[in-house]
Protein backbone atom coordinates (compact mmCIF):
# COMPACT_ATOMS: atom_id res chain seq x y z
CA MET A 1 0.00 0.00 0.00
CA LEU A 2 2.75 2.46 0.86
CA LYS A 3 4.37 1.91 -2.54
CA THR A 4 1.09 2.84 -4.26
CA LEU A 5 0.72 6.01 -2.20
CA LYS A 6 4.35 7.01 -2.84
CA LEU A 7 3.80 6.57 -6.58
CA LEU A 8 0.65 8.74 -6.43
CA ASN A 9 2.53 11.43 -4.51
CA ARG A 10 5.33 11.49 -7.12
CA CYS A 11 3.19 11.24 -10.25
CA PRO A 12 2.99 14.57 -12.15
CA ALA A 13 -0.48 13.69 -13.47
CA VAL A 14 -2.06 13.33 -10.00
CA VAL A 15 -3.63 16.43 -8.45
CA SER A 16 -5.05 14.72 -5.37
CA TYR A 17 -6.29 11.38 -4.12
CA GLU A 18 -8.57 9.99 -1.44
CA ILE A 19 -8.34 6.57 0.15
CA GLN A 20 -11.91 5.28 0.01
CA ASP A 21 -11.29 1.92 1.65
CA TYR A 22 -8.37 0.10 3.22
CA LYS A 23 -8.23 -3.26 4.92
CA GLN A 24 -5.17 -5.13 6.10
CA GLY A 25 -4.62 -8.56 7.59
CA THR A 26 -1.55 -10.50 8.53
CA ASP A 27 -0.88 -11.53 4.92
CA PHE A 28 -3.00 -9.26 2.69
CA TYR A 29 -4.21 -5.75 2.04
CA TYR A 30 -7.11 -4.25 0.10
CA LEU A 31 -6.91 -0.68 -1.15
CA LYS A 32 -9.45 1.48 -2.96
CA VAL A 33 -8.46 5.00 -4.04
CA ARG A 34 -10.06 7.82 -6.05
CA CYS A 35 -7.55 10.07 -7.86
CA GLU A 36 -8.14 13.40 -9.52
CA LEU A 37 -5.80 13.97 -12.44
CA LYS A 38 -4.52 17.21 -14.01
CA ASN A 39 -6.62 16.91 -17.13
CA ASP A 40 -9.87 16.82 -15.13
CA THR A 41 -10.17 13.04 -15.36
CA LEU A 42 -10.44 10.46 -12.59
CA LEU A 43 -8.56 7.26 -11.86
CA TYR A 44 -10.11 4.67 -9.57
CA ILE A 45 -7.64 2.19 -8.11
CA ARG A 46 -8.59 -1.14 -6.57
CA GLN A 47 -5.94 -3.59 -5.39
CA TYR A 48 -6.04 -6.79 -3.41
CA VAL A 49 -2.55 -8.06 -2.62
CA SER A 50 -1.55 -11.16 -0.68
CA ALA A 51 1.20 -13.75 -0.87
CA GLU A 52 -0.97 -15.82 -3.26
CA GLU A 53 -2.99 -13.19 -5.11
CA TYR A 54 -2.68 -9.89 -6.91
CA ASN A 55 -6.04 -8.64 -8.14
CA TYR A 56 -6.45 -5.17 -9.54
CA SER A 57 -8.65 -2.81 -11.44
CA TYR A 58 -7.48 0.63 -12.58
CA HIS A 59 -10.42 2.53 -14.03
CA TRP A 60 -9.68 5.82 -15.81
CA GLN A 61 -12.66 7.94 -16.79
CA ASN A 62 -13.65 11.49 -17.66
CA ARG A 63 -15.75 13.66 -15.34
CA ASN A 64 -18.92 12.50 -17.10
CA GLY A 65 -18.18 8.91 -16.09
CA GLU A 66 -17.22 7.81 -19.61
CA LEU A 67 -14.51 5.18 -19.69
CA ILE A 68 -11.12 6.10 -21.14
CA VAL A 69 -9.24 2.90 -20.21
CA ARG A 70 -9.76 0.21 -17.60
CA TRP A 71 -7.02 -2.26 -16.76
CA ASP A 72 -7.84 -5.40 -14.79
CA ASN A 73 -7.01 -9.04 -14.33
CA ALA A 74 -10.45 -10.53 -13.81
CA PRO A 75 -10.20 -13.95 -15.52
CA HIS A 76 -12.97 -13.52 -18.10
CA HIS A 77 -11.16 -12.93 -21.42
CA GLU A 78 -9.32 -16.20 -22.00
CA THR A 79 -8.52 -15.42 -25.66
CA ILE A 80 -6.29 -12.45 -24.82
CA ILE A 81 -2.60 -13.45 -25.01
CA THR A 82 -1.82 -11.52 -21.83
CA PHE A 83 -4.62 -13.37 -19.98
CA PRO A 84 -5.74 -12.64 -17.35
CA HIS A 85 -4.29 -9.13 -17.78
CA HIS A 86 -6.25 -6.99 -20.23
CA LYS A 87 -7.60 -3.50 -20.80
CA HIS A 88 -10.88 -2.05 -22.01
CA ILE A 89 -10.65 0.81 -24.49
CA GLY A 90 -13.57 2.19 -26.45
CA GLY A 91 -15.74 -0.87 -25.91
CA LYS A 92 -12.96 -3.26 -26.96
CA VAL A 93 -10.92 -5.64 -24.84
CA THR A 94 -7.26 -5.83 -25.75
CA ILE A 95 -3.90 -7.06 -24.47
CA SER A 96 -2.31 -5.24 -21.59
CA TYR A 97 1.25 -5.12 -20.40
CA GLU A 98 0.35 -2.46 -17.84
CA ILE A 99 -0.12 -4.64 -14.77
CA SER A 100 0.95 -2.48 -11.83
CA ILE A 101 -0.20 0.94 -10.72
CA GLU A 102 3.26 2.18 -11.65
CA ASP A 103 2.74 0.96 -15.24
CA VAL A 104 -0.68 2.64 -15.40
CA LEU A 105 0.58 5.96 -14.01
CA ASN A 106 3.45 5.90 -16.52
CA TYR A 107 0.93 5.25 -19.33
CA ILE A 108 -1.29 8.12 -18.23
CA THR A 109 1.69 10.46 -17.81
CA LYS A 110 2.88 9.64 -21.35
CA VAL A 111 -0.59 10.23 -22.80
CA PHE A 112 -0.53 13.75 -21.40
CA SER A 113 3.18 14.31 -22.03
CA LEU A 114 3.72 15.30 -18.40
């Protein structure tokens, strides 16, 4: 969790963020964050991390709630070569090599040339 928050604090695209939910056990954590970005868009982060699992969803949308990109690893697109990792763009599901929040923040930063 601390790594995620450090990345948000250093990312030039992030204006502010709010931790909406956080749970921690002896061998896991769950984190849900809402980020406001410089271009008036929002990034919703959801991570569940344990020794056995890494589940995530990074949902980037405009202020009207319209999806820009969503990255996740829900195992429902078996035909994607990066299965279970994939992204949703413009109603299409495609391969995704952006797996971590660091990858996603780098992607967003490059899109806006920040």
